[in-house]
Amino acid sequence: MQISLRLKEPLIARLNSLVKRSGRSKTALITESVIAHLAELETIYNAEETLKRIKSGKEKTYSWAEVQKENGLL
């Protein structure tokens, strides 16, 4: 899939600088950046969803002592 986007000059300058330093293409660097940021966003959204379930009582939490006891570590 092809996507177009507009970048402001400071970001373009940083991207061009990294292209020169790394020897990689703009496409490769942008793709790598999107992959990394998507992973971060997925982690954040998953954590927010888990927190909502905890606050609503739909998901239980355990203390570290409970985990240790349950797994025979105490």
N, C-alpha and C. Protein backbone atom coordinates (compact mmCIF):
# COMPACT_ATOMS: atom_id res chain seq x y z
N MET A 1 0.85 -1.17 0.00
CA MET A 1 0.00 0.00 0.00
C MET A 1 0.90 1.24 0.00
N GLN A 2 0.50 2.20 -0.72
CA GLN A 2 1.24 3.45 -0.79
C GLN A 2 0.50 4.51 0.02
N ILE A 3 1.27 5.27 0.79
CA ILE A 3 0.71 6.34 1.61
C ILE A 3 1.54 7.60 1.36
N SER A 4 0.86 8.72 1.30
CA SER A 4 1.60 9.97 1.19
C SER A 4 1.36 10.76 2.46
N LEU A 5 2.37 11.55 2.84
CA LEU A 5 2.22 12.37 4.03
C LEU A 5 3.02 13.65 3.85
N ARG A 6 2.64 14.65 4.60
CA ARG A 6 3.34 15.93 4.58
C ARG A 6 4.13 16.06 5.87
N LEU A 7 5.39 16.38 5.73
CA LEU A 7 6.24 16.58 6.90
C LEU A 7 6.71 18.02 6.92
N LYS A 8 6.80 18.58 8.11
CA LYS A 8 7.30 19.94 8.25
C LYS A 8 8.82 19.94 8.11
N GLU A 9 9.36 21.07 7.73
CA GLU A 9 10.78 21.19 7.40
C GLU A 9 11.73 20.67 8.47
N PRO A 10 11.52 20.96 9.76
CA PRO A 10 12.47 20.42 10.74
C PRO A 10 12.56 18.89 10.71
N LEU A 11 11.43 18.24 10.50
CA LEU A 11 11.42 16.78 10.44
C LEU A 11 12.07 16.28 9.15
N ILE A 12 11.84 16.98 8.06
CA ILE A 12 12.45 16.62 6.78
C ILE A 12 13.97 16.73 6.90
N ALA A 13 14.44 17.79 7.54
CA ALA A 13 15.89 17.97 7.71
C ALA A 13 16.48 16.83 8.54
N ARG A 14 15.80 16.46 9.60
CA ARG A 14 16.28 15.34 10.43
C ARG A 14 16.30 14.05 9.64
N LEU A 15 15.25 13.82 8.86
CA LEU A 15 15.17 12.61 8.06
C LEU A 15 16.29 12.58 7.02
N ASN A 16 16.49 13.70 6.33
CA ASN A 16 17.56 13.77 5.32
C ASN A 16 18.93 13.54 5.95
N SER A 17 19.14 14.09 7.12
CA SER A 17 20.41 13.91 7.82
C SER A 17 20.62 12.44 8.15
N LEU A 18 19.58 11.78 8.62
CA LEU A 18 19.69 10.36 8.97
C LEU A 18 19.89 9.50 7.73
N VAL A 19 19.27 9.88 6.62
CA VAL A 19 19.47 9.16 5.36
C VAL A 19 20.96 9.19 4.99
N LYS A 20 21.56 10.37 5.08
CA LYS A 20 22.98 10.52 4.74
C LYS A 20 23.87 9.73 5.69
N ARG A 21 23.56 9.80 6.98
CA ARG A 21 24.40 9.12 7.99
C ARG A 21 24.25 7.61 7.94
N SER A 22 23.05 7.14 7.66
CA SER A 22 22.80 5.70 7.73
C SER A 22 22.98 4.99 6.40
N GLY A 23 22.84 5.75 5.31
CA GLY A 23 22.91 5.12 3.99
C GLY A 23 21.63 4.36 3.63
N ARG A 24 20.60 4.55 4.42
CA ARG A 24 19.32 3.89 4.18
C ARG A 24 18.38 4.87 3.49
N SER A 25 17.35 4.32 2.87
CA SER A 25 16.40 5.17 2.15
C SER A 25 15.42 5.82 3.13
N LYS A 26 14.78 6.90 2.65
CA LYS A 26 13.73 7.55 3.44
C LYS A 26 12.61 6.56 3.75
N THR A 27 12.25 5.79 2.73
CA THR A 27 11.17 4.81 2.92
C THR A 27 11.51 3.82 4.02
N ALA A 28 12.74 3.31 4.01
CA ALA A 28 13.15 2.34 5.03
C ALA A 28 13.12 2.96 6.42
N LEU A 29 13.61 4.19 6.53
CA LEU A 29 13.63 4.85 7.84
C LEU A 29 12.23 5.17 8.34
N ILE A 30 11.38 5.63 7.46
CA ILE A 30 10.00 5.95 7.85
C ILE A 30 9.26 4.67 8.23
N THR A 31 9.45 3.60 7.46
CA THR A 31 8.80 2.33 7.77
C THR A 31 9.25 1.82 9.13
N GLU A 32 10.54 1.88 9.40
CA GLU A 32 11.06 1.45 10.69
C GLU A 32 10.47 2.28 11.83
N SER A 33 10.35 3.57 11.60
CA SER A 33 9.78 4.47 12.62
C SER A 33 8.32 4.14 12.89
N VAL A 34 7.56 3.89 11.84
CA VAL A 34 6.14 3.57 12.00
C VAL A 34 5.99 2.25 12.76
N ILE A 35 6.79 1.25 12.39
CA ILE A 35 6.72 -0.05 13.07
C ILE A 35 7.00 0.12 14.57
N ALA A 36 8.06 0.85 14.89
CA ALA A 36 8.43 1.04 16.29
C ALA A 36 7.35 1.80 17.05
N HIS A 37 6.83 2.85 16.44
CA HIS A 37 5.82 3.65 17.13
C HIS A 37 4.50 2.89 17.27
N LEU A 38 4.14 2.11 16.27
CA LEU A 38 2.92 1.32 16.38
C LEU A 38 3.02 0.33 17.54
N ALA A 39 4.18 -0.27 17.71
CA ALA A 39 4.38 -1.19 18.84
C ALA A 39 4.18 -0.46 20.16
N GLU A 40 4.71 0.75 20.26
CA GLU A 40 4.54 1.55 21.48
C GLU A 40 3.07 1.89 21.70
N LEU A 41 2.39 2.31 20.63
CA LEU A 41 0.97 2.66 20.75
C LEU A 41 0.13 1.45 21.14
N GLU A 42 0.43 0.29 20.56
CA GLU A 42 -0.31 -0.93 20.92
C GLU A 42 -0.13 -1.24 22.40
N THR A 43 1.09 -1.08 22.90
CA THR A 43 1.35 -1.33 24.32
C THR A 43 0.55 -0.37 25.18
N ILE A 44 0.55 0.90 24.80
CA ILE A 44 -0.19 1.92 25.57
C ILE A 44 -1.68 1.61 25.57
N TYR A 45 -2.26 1.34 24.39
CA TYR A 45 -3.69 1.08 24.32
C TYR A 45 -4.07 -0.20 25.04
N ASN A 46 -3.22 -1.23 24.96
CA ASN A 46 -3.49 -2.46 25.71
C ASN A 46 -3.48 -2.20 27.21
N ALA A 47 -2.53 -1.39 27.67
CA ALA A 47 -2.45 -1.06 29.10
C ALA A 47 -3.68 -0.26 29.53
N GLU A 48 -4.12 0.68 28.70
CA GLU A 48 -5.32 1.46 29.03
C GLU A 48 -6.55 0.57 29.10
N GLU A 49 -6.67 -0.38 28.18
CA GLU A 49 -7.81 -1.30 28.20
C GLU A 49 -7.79 -2.17 29.44
N THR A 50 -6.60 -2.64 29.81
CA THR A 50 -6.47 -3.46 31.01
C THR A 50 -6.83 -2.65 32.25
N LEU A 51 -6.37 -1.40 32.31
CA LEU A 51 -6.70 -0.55 33.45
C LEU A 51 -8.21 -0.33 33.56
N LYS A 52 -8.89 -0.15 32.44
CA LYS A 52 -10.35 0.01 32.47
C LYS A 52 -11.01 -1.25 33.03
N ARG A 53 -10.51 -2.42 32.60
CA ARG A 53 -11.10 -3.67 33.11
C ARG A 53 -10.85 -3.81 34.61
N ILE A 54 -9.67 -3.43 35.06
CA ILE A 54 -9.36 -3.50 36.49
C ILE A 54 -10.27 -2.57 37.28
N LYS A 55 -10.41 -1.33 36.81
CA LYS A 55 -11.24 -0.35 37.51
C LYS A 55 -12.71 -0.75 37.52
N SER A 56 -13.15 -1.44 36.49
CA SER A 56 -14.56 -1.86 36.44
C SER A 56 -14.80 -3.18 37.16
N GLY A 57 -13.74 -3.78 37.67
CA GLY A 57 -13.88 -5.04 38.39
C GLY A 57 -13.92 -6.27 37.50
N LYS A 58 -13.69 -6.09 36.21
CA LYS A 58 -13.73 -7.22 35.28
C LYS A 58 -12.42 -8.00 35.24
N GLU A 59 -11.38 -7.43 35.84
CA GLU A 59 -10.08 -8.10 35.86
C GLU A 59 -9.49 -7.94 37.25
N LYS A 60 -8.97 -9.04 37.77
CA LYS A 60 -8.40 -9.05 39.12
C LYS A 60 -6.91 -8.77 39.06
N THR A 61 -6.41 -8.15 40.11
CA THR A 61 -4.97 -7.94 40.24
C THR A 61 -4.46 -8.77 41.41
N TYR A 62 -3.16 -9.02 41.39
CA TYR A 62 -2.53 -9.82 42.42
C TYR A 62 -1.29 -9.09 42.93
N SER A 63 -1.07 -9.16 44.22
CA SER A 63 0.14 -8.57 44.79
C SER A 63 1.32 -9.48 44.48
N TRP A 64 2.52 -8.95 44.59
CA TRP A 64 3.71 -9.74 44.34
C TRP A 64 3.78 -10.90 45.35
N ALA A 65 3.39 -10.65 46.59
CA ALA A 65 3.40 -11.70 47.60
C ALA A 65 2.42 -12.82 47.22
N GLU A 66 1.25 -12.47 46.68
CA GLU A 66 0.30 -13.49 46.25
C GLU A 66 0.87 -14.33 45.09
N VAL A 67 1.53 -13.68 44.19
CA VAL A 67 2.13 -14.40 43.05
C VAL A 67 3.22 -15.35 43.54
N GLN A 68 4.05 -14.87 44.46
CA GLN A 68 5.11 -15.71 44.99
C GLN A 68 4.53 -16.90 45.73
N LYS A 69 3.51 -16.67 46.55
CA LYS A 69 2.89 -17.75 47.32
C LYS A 69 2.24 -18.76 46.39
N GLU A 70 1.51 -18.29 45.39
CA GLU A 70 0.81 -19.17 44.45
C GLU A 70 1.80 -20.05 43.68
N ASN A 71 3.00 -19.55 43.45
CA ASN A 71 3.99 -20.28 42.68
C ASN A 71 5.06 -20.95 43.53
N GLY A 72 4.79 -21.03 44.84
CA GLY A 72 5.70 -21.72 45.75
C GLY A 72 7.05 -21.05 45.92
N LEU A 73 7.09 -19.76 45.80
CA LEU A 73 8.35 -19.03 45.91
C LEU A 73 8.56 -18.46 47.29
N LEU A 74 7.59 -18.58 48.16
CA LEU A 74 7.72 -18.06 49.54
C LEU A 74 7.95 -19.19 50.51
